[in-house]
Amino acid sequence: MIKISETKGGDWLKQTSILSQALPFMQRYAGKNITIKFGGSAMGEDKLSTSFARDIVLLKQVGINPVVIHGGGPRIKKMLDRLKVKSSFVDGLRVTDKETMDIVEMVLSGSINKEIVMEINKEGGMAIGLSGKDALLAKTKKFKKKKQSVKLRKY
């Protein structure tokens, strides 16, 4: 992170202007929980991950309570491919059988979640990682399609 005292020329004016513009939003959301989605595609770049973690720490520092949810589609696909598990999709939605679900959980909870928590903590935050499965935080039910407009395809 660049400190204002270390910036050259008029850069500090730009930084103070940005903070000044952000102040009404900081005041509006202070003390509130906000949910932020960190998408699977963005997670693949180290600079984006570090910047994201710093932003999360900053939000908490100004009194906002960020709750991060994350994707992981590209990493899930990579692991399924590595393990030679075929994925099926119907109308763009992954059909997740028991074997696939175990792999999805391994990637999301066992890998990605821990990496995000570590990155936030490395930047000065105090993050913890939870899965929707922990303490039954999230419940799901099988999606039933009334009319199948597309045949099931194997990839």
Protein backbone atom coordinates (compact mmCIF):
# COMPACT_ATOMS: atom_id res chain seq x y z
CA MET A 1 0.00 0.00 0.00
CA ILE A 2 1.28 3.50 -0.82
CA LYS A 3 1.36 5.99 2.02
CA ILE A 4 0.27 9.54 1.21
CA SER A 5 3.54 10.85 2.68
CA GLU A 6 5.47 8.73 0.16
CA THR A 7 3.64 9.92 -2.96
CA LYS A 8 5.15 12.26 -5.49
CA GLY A 9 3.81 15.56 -6.70
CA GLY A 10 0.04 15.84 -6.85
CA ASP A 11 -0.66 12.14 -6.34
CA TRP A 12 -1.64 12.78 -2.75
CA LEU A 13 -4.32 15.19 -3.97
CA LYS A 14 -5.81 12.44 -6.10
CA GLN A 15 -5.81 10.04 -3.14
CA THR A 16 -7.45 12.53 -0.80
CA SER A 17 -10.03 13.34 -3.47
CA ILE A 18 -10.93 9.65 -3.78
CA LEU A 19 -11.28 9.32 0.00
CA SER A 20 -13.37 12.48 0.13
CA GLN A 21 -15.74 11.08 -2.50
CA ALA A 22 -15.97 7.78 -0.62
CA LEU A 23 -16.78 9.40 2.75
CA PRO A 24 -20.60 9.57 2.27
CA PHE A 25 -20.66 5.86 1.41
CA MET A 26 -18.48 5.00 4.40
CA GLN A 27 -20.86 6.95 6.64
CA ARG A 28 -23.96 5.40 5.05
CA TYR A 29 -22.76 1.81 5.48
CA ALA A 30 -20.88 2.14 8.80
CA GLY A 31 -21.99 -0.61 11.17
CA LYS A 32 -23.79 -2.47 8.40
CA ASN A 33 -23.08 -5.89 6.95
CA ILE A 34 -22.41 -5.93 3.23
CA THR A 35 -22.03 -9.01 1.08
CA ILE A 36 -19.30 -8.99 -1.54
CA LYS A 37 -18.92 -11.66 -4.23
CA PHE A 38 -15.35 -12.49 -5.18
CA GLY A 39 -15.72 -14.26 -8.51
CA GLY A 40 -13.81 -17.30 -9.65
CA SER A 41 -12.26 -15.57 -12.65
CA ALA A 42 -10.90 -12.67 -10.57
CA MET A 43 -9.32 -15.06 -8.10
CA GLY A 44 -6.81 -16.27 -10.65
CA GLU A 45 -4.72 -13.10 -10.57
CA ASP A 46 -2.42 -12.45 -7.60
CA LYS A 47 -2.57 -8.64 -7.89
CA LEU A 48 -6.38 -8.70 -7.91
CA SER A 49 -6.48 -11.03 -4.90
CA THR A 50 -4.12 -8.79 -2.92
CA SER A 51 -6.04 -5.65 -3.91
CA PHE A 52 -9.32 -7.32 -3.00
CA ALA A 53 -7.96 -8.32 0.43
CA ARG A 54 -6.75 -4.75 1.09
CA ASP A 55 -10.17 -3.39 0.15
CA ILE A 56 -11.86 -5.82 2.55
CA VAL A 57 -9.52 -4.75 5.36
CA LEU A 58 -10.19 -1.08 4.56
CA LEU A 59 -13.96 -1.60 4.67
CA LYS A 60 -13.68 -3.16 8.12
CA GLN A 61 -11.33 -0.38 9.23
CA VAL A 62 -13.96 2.26 8.39
CA GLY A 63 -16.67 0.40 10.30
CA ILE A 64 -18.31 -1.63 7.54
CA ASN A 65 -18.72 -5.38 8.10
CA PRO A 66 -17.85 -7.18 4.86
CA VAL A 67 -19.11 -10.71 4.31
CA VAL A 68 -17.26 -12.30 1.40
CA ILE A 69 -18.80 -15.03 -0.69
CA HIS A 70 -16.77 -16.56 -3.45
CA GLY A 71 -17.03 -18.51 -6.61
CA GLY A 72 -14.60 -20.97 -8.00
CA GLY A 73 -15.94 -22.25 -11.29
CA PRO A 74 -12.61 -22.21 -13.15
CA ARG A 75 -10.80 -24.00 -10.30
CA ILE A 76 -13.62 -26.54 -9.95
CA LYS A 77 -13.50 -27.27 -13.67
CA LYS A 78 -9.72 -27.65 -13.55
CA MET A 79 -9.94 -30.15 -10.67
CA LEU A 80 -12.75 -32.10 -12.32
CA ASP A 81 -10.69 -32.29 -15.51
CA ARG A 82 -7.59 -33.38 -13.56
CA LEU A 83 -9.59 -36.16 -11.88
CA LYS A 84 -11.26 -37.05 -15.19
CA VAL A 85 -14.77 -36.45 -13.83
CA LYS A 86 -17.27 -35.52 -16.53
CA SER A 87 -19.53 -32.53 -15.85
CA SER A 88 -23.04 -32.29 -17.18
CA PHE A 89 -24.87 -29.04 -17.82
CA VAL A 90 -28.53 -28.31 -18.46
CA ASP A 91 -29.39 -24.80 -19.67
CA GLY A 92 -26.04 -23.54 -18.37
CA LEU A 93 -26.44 -25.07 -14.90
CA ARG A 94 -24.05 -27.75 -13.67
CA VAL A 95 -25.72 -31.02 -12.75
CA THR A 96 -23.93 -31.99 -9.55
CA ASP A 97 -23.90 -35.63 -8.52
CA LYS A 98 -22.41 -36.92 -5.24
CA GLU A 99 -18.91 -37.45 -6.69
CA THR A 100 -18.87 -33.98 -8.23
CA MET A 101 -20.23 -32.40 -5.04
CA ASP A 102 -17.38 -33.87 -2.99
CA ILE A 103 -14.86 -32.34 -5.40
CA VAL A 104 -16.68 -28.98 -5.46
CA GLU A 105 -16.65 -28.87 -1.66
CA MET A 106 -12.96 -29.80 -1.58
CA VAL A 107 -12.07 -26.96 -3.95
CA LEU A 108 -14.35 -24.29 -2.44
CA SER A 109 -13.96 -25.03 1.28
CA GLY A 110 -10.63 -26.81 1.38
CA SER A 111 -8.68 -24.56 -0.94
CA ILE A 112 -10.22 -21.31 -2.15
CA ASN A 113 -11.85 -20.29 1.14
CA LYS A 114 -8.58 -20.78 3.03
CA GLU A 115 -6.60 -18.81 0.45
CA ILE A 116 -8.98 -15.82 0.68
CA VAL A 117 -8.90 -15.88 4.50
CA MET A 118 -5.09 -16.05 4.47
CA GLU A 119 -4.82 -13.12 2.03
CA ILE A 120 -7.16 -10.92 4.09
CA ASN A 121 -5.30 -11.76 7.31
CA LYS A 122 -1.94 -11.13 5.60
CA GLU A 123 -3.18 -7.62 4.78
CA GLY A 124 -4.05 -6.94 8.43
CA GLY A 125 -7.60 -8.25 8.66
CA MET A 126 -9.05 -10.81 11.04
CA ALA A 127 -11.00 -13.08 8.71
CA ILE A 128 -12.42 -16.52 9.31
CA GLY A 129 -13.70 -18.94 6.71
CA LEU A 130 -17.03 -20.73 6.86
CA SER A 131 -18.78 -23.08 4.51
CA GLY A 132 -22.53 -23.03 4.03
CA LYS A 133 -22.37 -26.61 5.29
CA ASP A 134 -20.93 -25.48 8.66
CA ALA A 135 -23.67 -25.44 11.32
CA LEU A 136 -26.17 -25.81 8.47
CA LEU A 137 -25.72 -22.14 7.53
CA ALA A 138 -27.18 -22.85 4.11
CA LYS A 139 -29.70 -25.46 3.11
CA THR A 140 -30.32 -26.57 -0.42
CA LYS A 141 -32.93 -28.52 -2.23
CA LYS A 142 -32.81 -30.25 -5.54
CA PHE A 143 -33.68 -28.01 -8.46
CA LYS A 144 -36.52 -29.54 -10.47
CA LYS A 145 -37.04 -28.25 -13.94
CA LYS A 146 -40.62 -28.42 -15.18
CA LYS A 147 -39.77 -28.61 -18.85
CA GLN A 148 -36.44 -29.65 -20.27
CA SER A 149 -35.69 -27.48 -23.29
CA VAL A 150 -32.14 -28.69 -23.84
CA LYS A 151 -30.81 -32.25 -23.86
CA LEU A 152 -28.31 -33.20 -21.19
CA ARG A 153 -24.78 -32.82 -22.59
CA LYS A 154 -21.58 -34.40 -21.32
CA TYR A 155 -18.39 -32.33 -21.42
